[in-house]
C-alpha atoms as a PDB file:
ATOM      1  CA  MET A   1     168.771 106.306  32.272  1.00  0.00           C
ATOM      2  CA  SER A   2     168.708 102.580  31.573  1.00  0.00           C
ATOM      3  CA  GLY A   3     165.879 100.847  29.689  1.00  0.00           C
ATOM      4  CA  ALA A   4     166.171  97.654  31.771  1.00  0.00           C
ATOM      5  CA  VAL A   5     163.058  96.628  33.699  1.00  0.00           C
ATOM      6  CA  THR A   6     163.255  94.413  36.731  1.00  0.00           C
ATOM      7  CA  THR A   7     160.300  92.424  37.984  1.00  0.00           C
ATOM      8  CA  ALA A   8     160.221  91.070  41.485  1.00  0.00           C
ATOM      9  CA  ARG A   9     158.919  87.562  41.922  1.00  0.00           C
ATOM     10  CA  ALA A  10     156.803  86.716  44.926  1.00  0.00           C
ATOM     11  CA  ILE A  11     157.547  83.504  46.819  1.00  0.00           C
ATOM     12  CA  ARG A  12     155.216  81.585  49.143  1.00  0.00           C
ATOM     13  CA  ARG A  13     154.813  78.225  50.908  1.00  0.00           C
ATOM     14  CA  TRP A  14     151.822  76.326  49.593  1.00  0.00           C
ATOM     15  CA  PRO A  15     150.567  72.714  49.823  1.00  0.00           C
ATOM     16  CA  CYS A  16     151.140  70.452  46.837  1.00  0.00           C
ATOM     17  CA  ALA A  17     147.897  69.926  44.898  1.00  0.00           C
ATOM     18  CA  GLY A  18     148.596  66.177  44.809  1.00  0.00           C
ATOM     19  CA  CYS A  19     149.936  65.045  48.174  1.00  0.00           C
ATOM     20  CA  GLY A  20     149.514  68.161  50.314  1.00  0.00           C
ATOM     21  CA  ILE A  21     153.107  68.614  51.482  1.00  0.00           C
ATOM     22  CA  ASP A  22     154.350  72.214  51.671  1.00  0.00           C
ATOM     23  CA  LEU A  23     156.438  73.418  48.769  1.00  0.00           C
ATOM     24  CA  GLY A  24     157.863  76.737  47.753  1.00  0.00           C
ATOM     25  CA  GLN A  25     156.047  78.468  44.915  1.00  0.00           C
ATOM     26  CA  THR A  26     157.155  81.419  42.842  1.00  0.00           C
ATOM     27  CA  GLN A  27     154.719  83.777  41.191  1.00  0.00           C
ATOM     28  CA  ILE A  28     155.217  84.496  37.529  1.00  0.00           C
ATOM     29  CA  PRO A  29     153.830  88.014  37.080  1.00  0.00           C
ATOM     30  CA  ALA A  30     150.920  88.687  34.783  1.00  0.00           C
ATOM     31  CA  THR A  31     151.603  89.731  31.225  1.00  0.00           C
ATOM     32  CA  PRO A  32     149.145  91.563  28.997  1.00  0.00           C
ATOM     33  CA  GLY A  33     146.245  89.191  28.285  1.00  0.00           C
ATOM     34  CA  GLN A  34     147.336  86.606  30.877  1.00  0.00           C
ATOM     35  CA  GLU A  35     146.992  86.212  34.622  1.00  0.00           C
ATOM     36  CA  SER A  36     149.839  85.660  37.027  1.00  0.00           C
ATOM     37  CA  VAL A  37     150.705  82.044  37.775  1.00  0.00           C
ATOM     38  CA  TRP A  38     152.143  80.316  40.835  1.00  0.00           C
ATOM     39  CA  VAL A  39     154.601  77.499  40.017  1.00  0.00           C
ATOM     40  CA  PRO A  40     155.071  74.685  40.730  1.00  0.00           C
ATOM     41  CA  VAL A  41     151.610  73.411  41.645  1.00  0.00           C
ATOM     42  CA  HIS A  42     152.848  69.903  42.466  1.00  0.00           C
ATOM     43  CA  CYS A  43     155.915  68.641  44.288  1.00  0.00           C
ATOM     44  CA  ARG A  44     158.575  66.830  42.252  1.00  0.00           C
ATOM     45  CA  GLU A  45     157.280  63.396  43.238  1.00  0.00           C
ATOM     46  CA  CYS A  46     153.687  64.223  42.189  1.00  0.00           C
ATOM     47  CA  GLU A  47     154.996  65.732  38.936  1.00  0.00           C
ATOM     48  CA  ALA A  48     156.867  62.479  38.290  1.00  0.00           C
ATOM     49  CA  ASP A  49     153.657  60.505  38.983  1.00  0.00           C
ATOM     50  CA  ILE A  50     151.778  62.717  36.515  1.00  0.00           C
ATOM     51  CA  ARG A  51     154.458  62.119  33.869  1.00  0.00           C
ATOM     52  CA  ARG A  52     154.369  58.342  34.472  1.00  0.00           C
ATOM     53  CA  GLU A  53     150.562  58.295  34.262  1.00  0.00           C
ATOM     54  CA  GLN A  54     150.628  60.247  30.996  1.00  0.00           C
ATOM     55  CA  GLN A  55     153.300  57.951  29.605  1.00  0.00           C
ATOM     56  CA  ALA A  56     151.241  54.889  30.548  1.00  0.00           C
ATOM     57  CA  LYS A  57     148.163  56.358  28.794  1.00  0.00           C
ATOM     58  CA  GLU A  58     150.206  57.027  25.664  1.00  0.00           C
ATOM     59  CA  GLU A  59     151.632  53.498  25.643  1.00  0.00           C
ATOM     60  CA  ILE A  60     148.201  51.942  26.103  1.00  0.00           C
ATOM     61  CA  ALA A  61     146.810  54.114  23.281  1.00  0.00           C
ATOM     62  CA  ALA A  62     149.623  52.874  21.041  1.00  0.00           C
ATOM     63  CA  GLN A  63     148.727  49.261  21.856  1.00  0.00           C
ATOM     64  CA  VAL A  64     144.974  49.410  21.160  1.00  0.00           C
ATOM     65  CA  GLU A  65     145.031  46.801  18.387  1.00  0.00           C
ATOM     66  CA  GLN A  66     147.183  44.440  20.419  1.00  0.00           C
ATOM     67  CA  ILE A  67     144.879  44.843  23.433  1.00  0.00           C
ATOM     68  CA  LYS A  68     141.825  44.255  21.230  1.00  0.00           C
ATOM     69  CA  SER A  69     143.184  41.062  19.733  1.00  0.00           C
ATOM     70  CA  GLU A  70     144.259  39.747  23.153  1.00  0.00           C
ATOM     71  CA  ALA A  71     140.807  40.553  24.556  1.00  0.00           C
ATOM     72  CA  GLU A  72     139.142  38.698  21.671  1.00  0.00           C
ATOM     73  CA  ARG A  73     141.395  35.680  22.271  1.00  0.00           C
ATOM     74  CA  ARG A  74     140.633  35.617  26.007  1.00  0.00           C
ATOM     75  CA  PHE A  75     136.947  36.182  25.393  1.00  0.00           C
ATOM     76  CA  ALA A  76     136.812  33.199  23.015  1.00  0.00           C
ATOM     77  CA  ALA A  77     138.837  30.978  25.354  1.00  0.00           C
ATOM     78  CA  ASP A  78     136.797  31.729  28.498  1.00  0.00           C
ATOM     79  CA  THR A  79     134.695  28.614  29.216  1.00  0.00           C
ATOM     80  CA  GLY A  80     132.571  30.197  31.976  1.00  0.00           C
ATOM     81  CA  LEU A  81     131.854  33.361  30.038  1.00  0.00           C
ATOM     82  CA  GLU A  82     128.417  32.419  28.706  1.00  0.00           C
ATOM     83  CA  GLN A  83     127.208  31.338  32.151  1.00  0.00           C
ATOM     84  CA  ARG A  84     128.463  34.577  33.761  1.00  0.00           C
ATOM     85  CA  ILE A  85     126.726  36.559  31.030  1.00  0.00           C
ATOM     86  CA  ARG A  86     123.453  34.670  31.598  1.00  0.00           C
ATOM     87  CA  ASP A  87     123.756  35.018  35.384  1.00  0.00           C
ATOM     88  CA  GLY A  88     124.477  38.732  35.121  1.00  0.00           C
ATOM     89  CA  ALA A  89     121.577  39.269  32.743  1.00  0.00           C
ATOM     90  CA  ALA A  90     119.239  37.281  35.021  1.00  0.00           C
ATOM     91  CA  ALA A  91     120.271  39.341  38.048  1.00  0.00           C
ATOM     92  CA  ASP A  92     119.710  42.549  36.108  1.00  0.00           C
ATOM     93  CA  LEU A  93     116.299  41.307  34.966  1.00  0.00           C
ATOM     94  CA  VAL A  94     115.256  40.591  38.544  1.00  0.00           C
ATOM     95  CA  GLU A  95     116.180  44.137  39.498  1.00  0.00           C
ATOM     96  CA  GLU A  96     114.486  45.626  36.425  1.00  0.00           C
ATOM     97  CA  VAL A  97     111.334  43.576  37.020  1.00  0.00           C
ATOM     98  CA  GLN A  98     111.149  44.894  40.573  1.00  0.00           C
ATOM     99  CA  ASP A  99     111.607  48.444  39.295  1.00  0.00           C
ATOM    100  CA  GLU A 100     108.925  47.913  36.633  1.00  0.00           C
ATOM    101  CA  VAL A 101     106.471  46.445  39.178  1.00  0.00           C
ATOM    102  CA  THR A 102     107.075  49.401  41.473  1.00  0.00           C
ATOM    103  CA  ARG A 103     106.559  51.846  38.604  1.00  0.00           C
ATOM    104  CA  PHE A 104     103.479  49.980  37.360  1.00  0.00           C
ATOM    105  CA  CYS A 105     101.911  49.989  40.834  1.00  0.00           C
ATOM    106  CA  ALA A 106     102.669  53.660  41.340  1.00  0.00           C
ATOM    107  CA  LEU A 107     101.027  54.574  38.023  1.00  0.00           C
ATOM    108  CA  ARG A 108      98.183  52.033  37.952  1.00  0.00           C
ATOM    109  CA  ARG A 109      97.012  52.099  41.605  1.00  0.00           C
ATOM    110  CA  PRO A 110      95.259  55.505  41.351  1.00  0.00           C
ATOM    111  CA  GLN A 111      93.398  54.356  38.221  1.00  0.00           C
ATOM    112  CA  LEU A 112      92.293  51.124  39.866  1.00  0.00           C
ATOM    113  CA  GLU A 113      91.246  52.936  43.046  1.00  0.00           C
ATOM    114  CA  SER A 114      89.193  55.361  40.943  1.00  0.00           C
ATOM    115  CA  GLU A 115      87.512  52.464  39.121  1.00  0.00           C
ATOM    116  CA  HIS A 116      86.714  50.733  42.412  1.00  0.00           C
ATOM    117  CA  ALA A 117      85.387  53.994  43.862  1.00  0.00           C
ATOM    118  CA  ASP A 118      83.039  54.203  40.844  1.00  0.00           C
ATOM    119  CA  LEU A 119      81.975  50.578  41.398  1.00  0.00           C
ATOM    120  CA  GLU A 120      81.254  51.275  45.070  1.00  0.00           C
ATOM    121  CA  TRP A 121      79.296  54.435  44.138  1.00  0.00           C
ATOM    122  CA  ASN A 122      77.228  52.419  41.670  1.00  0.00           C
ATOM    123  CA  ARG A 123      76.612  49.738  44.339  1.00  0.00           C
ATOM    124  CA  VAL A 124      75.386  52.319  46.861  1.00  0.00           C
ATOM    125  CA  VAL A 125      73.172  53.980  44.238  1.00  0.00           C
ATOM    126  CA  ALA A 126      71.744  50.575  43.301  1.00  0.00           C
ATOM    127  CA  GLU A 127      71.009  49.839  46.994  1.00  0.00           C
ATOM    128  CA  ILE A 128      69.203  53.173  47.403  1.00  0.00           C
ATOM    129  CA  GLU A 129      67.245  52.632  44.190  1.00  0.00           C
ATOM    130  CA  ALA A 130      66.278  49.148  45.388  1.00  0.00           C
ATOM    131  CA  GLU A 131      65.144  50.554  48.747  1.00  0.00           C
ATOM    132  CA  LYS A 132      63.133  53.335  47.037  1.00  0.00           C
ATOM    133  CA  ARG A 133      61.608  50.843  44.606  1.00  0.00           C
ATOM    134  CA  ALA A 134      60.599  48.643  47.528  1.00  0.00           C
ATOM    135  CA  GLU A 135      59.047  51.650  49.359  1.00  0.00           C
ATOM    136  CA  ILE A 136      57.121  52.769  46.280  1.00  0.00           C
ATOM    137  CA  PHE A 137      55.970  49.197  45.632  1.00  0.00           C
ATOM    138  CA  GLN A 138      54.822  48.926  49.247  1.00  0.00           C
ATOM    139  CA  GLN A 139      52.995  52.287  49.053  1.00  0.00           C
ATOM    140  CA  LEU A 140      51.279  51.297  45.828  1.00  0.00           C
ATOM    141  CA  LYS A 141      50.299  47.972  47.322  1.00  0.00           C
ATOM    142  CA  GLU A 142      48.804  49.642  50.409  1.00  0.00           C
ATOM    143  CA  ALA A 143      46.990  52.247  48.320  1.00  0.00           C
ATOM    144  CA  ARG A 144      44.818  49.616  46.631  1.00  0.00           C
END
C-alpha cells in the first residue's frame, strides 16, 4: 500500500471582488488550524491594480521629506493663501455661531419660560391681593 495522499481541489466560477467579472477559483483545502481558501479573489487586472496602488503608496512613503519641503515652498509662495484661510475661518465661524445660537436657545428657552411663568404668577397674585385689599378697605370703610 502506498503512503501517497491525493487531495481533490474544488473549482468554481465566482465574481471578481474588484470588478465583478466571473473568474475561475480553486479551493485550497483546509489544513489543521486553518480554513480552506478560494483563490484567486481578484481577476488579473484587479490584482495588477492592487500591486500598482501598493507600489504608489510605497513610493510616496519614501518621498515624505521631499513632499514636505515642496509643500512648505508652495505654502510660502502662495499669495492668496492668507485670504483663503481667513475666508474659510469666517465661513466656519458663521456656521459655528448658528450652531451655538441654536444650542443656546434650546438650553436657555425652558429656563426663560420658567422665569416668565413665575413673573406672571407673581403678577396674578399681586392683582388678587390688590383686589382683596380693596375689598377689605371698602368693608372697613362701610363698617364705620
